C-alpha atoms as a PDB file:
ATOM      1  CA  UNK A   1       0.000   0.000   0.000  1.00  0.00           C
ATOM      2  CA  UNK A   2       1.215   3.464  -0.811  1.00  0.00           C
ATOM      3  CA  UNK A   3       2.261   5.797   1.971  1.00  0.00           C
ATOM      4  CA  UNK A   4      -0.094   8.341   0.433  1.00  0.00           C
ATOM      5  CA  UNK A   5      -3.176   6.127   0.182  1.00  0.00           C
ATOM      6  CA  UNK A   6      -4.336   7.451   3.568  1.00  0.00           C
ATOM      7  CA  UNK A   7      -4.810  10.904   2.029  1.00  0.00           C
ATOM      8  CA  UNK A   8      -6.717   9.586  -0.966  1.00  0.00           C
ATOM      9  CA  UNK A   9      -3.937   8.938  -3.450  1.00  0.00           C
ATOM     10  CA  UNK A  10      -3.872   5.393  -4.784  1.00  0.00           C
ATOM     11  CA  UNK A  11      -0.857   3.344  -5.766  1.00  0.00           C
ATOM     12  CA  UNK A  12       0.536   4.432  -9.107  1.00  0.00           C
ATOM     13  CA  UNK A  13      -1.740   7.464  -9.262  1.00  0.00           C
ATOM     14  CA  UNK A  14      -0.656  10.847 -10.504  1.00  0.00           C
ATOM     15  CA  UNK A  15      -1.518  14.153  -8.868  1.00  0.00           C
ATOM     16  CA  UNK A  16      -0.677  16.983 -11.202  1.00  0.00           C
ATOM     17  CA  UNK A  17       3.002  16.718 -12.070  1.00  0.00           C
ATOM     18  CA  UNK A  18       3.674  14.308  -9.190  1.00  0.00           C
ATOM     19  CA  UNK A  19       3.552  10.578  -9.840  1.00  0.00           C
ATOM     20  CA  UNK A  20       3.161   8.402  -6.765  1.00  0.00           C
ATOM     21  CA  UNK A  21       5.540   5.473  -7.013  1.00  0.00           C
ATOM     22  CA  UNK A  22       4.778   1.950  -5.912  1.00  0.00           C
ATOM     23  CA  UNK A  23       6.104   1.193  -2.444  1.00  0.00           C
ATOM     24  CA  UNK A  24       9.492  -0.440  -2.039  1.00  0.00           C
ATOM     25  CA  UNK A  25       9.712  -4.003  -0.741  1.00  0.00           C
ATOM     26  CA  UNK A  26       9.812  -4.410   3.034  1.00  0.00           C
ATOM     27  CA  UNK A  27      13.149  -3.675   4.659  1.00  0.00           C
ATOM     28  CA  UNK A  28      15.165  -6.505   6.197  1.00  0.00           C
ATOM     29  CA  UNK A  29      14.862  -6.758  10.001  1.00  0.00           C
ATOM     30  CA  UNK A  30      18.312  -5.292  10.689  1.00  0.00           C
ATOM     31  CA  UNK A  31      17.460  -2.193   8.633  1.00  0.00           C
ATOM     32  CA  UNK A  32      14.028  -1.746  10.233  1.00  0.00           C
ATOM     33  CA  UNK A  33      15.685  -1.273  13.635  1.00  0.00           C
ATOM     34  CA  UNK A  34      18.406   1.102  12.381  1.00  0.00           C
ATOM     35  CA  UNK A  35      17.514   4.671  13.455  1.00  0.00           C
ATOM     36  CA  UNK A  36      19.276   6.184  10.431  1.00  0.00           C
ATOM     37  CA  UNK A  37      17.230   4.029   8.042  1.00  0.00           C
ATOM     38  CA  UNK A  38      14.039   4.922   9.903  1.00  0.00           C
ATOM     39  CA  UNK A  39      14.882   8.622   9.668  1.00  0.00           C
ATOM     40  CA  UNK A  40      15.504   8.286   5.918  1.00  0.00           C
ATOM     41  CA  UNK A  41      12.197   6.458   5.373  1.00  0.00           C
ATOM     42  CA  UNK A  42      10.288   9.126   7.291  1.00  0.00           C
ATOM     43  CA  UNK A  43      12.077  11.910   5.402  1.00  0.00           C
ATOM     44  CA  UNK A  44      11.184  10.285   2.060  1.00  0.00           C
ATOM     45  CA  UNK A  45       7.550   9.893   3.104  1.00  0.00           C
ATOM     46  CA  UNK A  46       7.319  13.506   4.244  1.00  0.00           C
ATOM     47  CA  UNK A  47       8.913  14.721   1.013  1.00  0.00           C
ATOM     48  CA  UNK A  48       6.359  12.739  -0.997  1.00  0.00           C
ATOM     49  CA  UNK A  49       3.475  14.142   1.053  1.00  0.00           C
ATOM     50  CA  UNK A  50       4.804  17.686   0.643  1.00  0.00           C
ATOM     51  CA  UNK A  51       5.147  17.189  -3.120  1.00  0.00           C
ATOM     52  CA  UNK A  52       1.538  16.044  -3.376  1.00  0.00           C
ATOM     53  CA  UNK A  53       0.359  18.925  -1.198  1.00  0.00           C
ATOM     54  CA  UNK A  54       2.249  21.387  -3.409  1.00  0.00           C
ATOM     55  CA  UNK A  55       0.716  19.862  -6.532  1.00  0.00           C
ATOM     56  CA  UNK A  56      -2.759  20.071  -5.011  1.00  0.00           C
ATOM     57  CA  UNK A  57      -2.150  23.712  -4.060  1.00  0.00           C
ATOM     58  CA  UNK A  58      -1.227  24.493  -7.673  1.00  0.00           C
ATOM     59  CA  UNK A  59      -4.538  23.029  -8.865  1.00  0.00           C
ATOM     60  CA  UNK A  60      -6.662  24.721  -6.207  1.00  0.00           C
END
């Protein structure tokens, strides 16, 4: 499931100029517990959400 599905954007959908990519495969257990990996995953998710929000603002 896409990180963005919770805000109404389906997997593979496009919102304006922003295409929502399919989610990456699950991380191995040792990476899931690594704080640096977790920070990177959260940063990527927030960047994707901000990109969608910006695209929606442009179409509003």
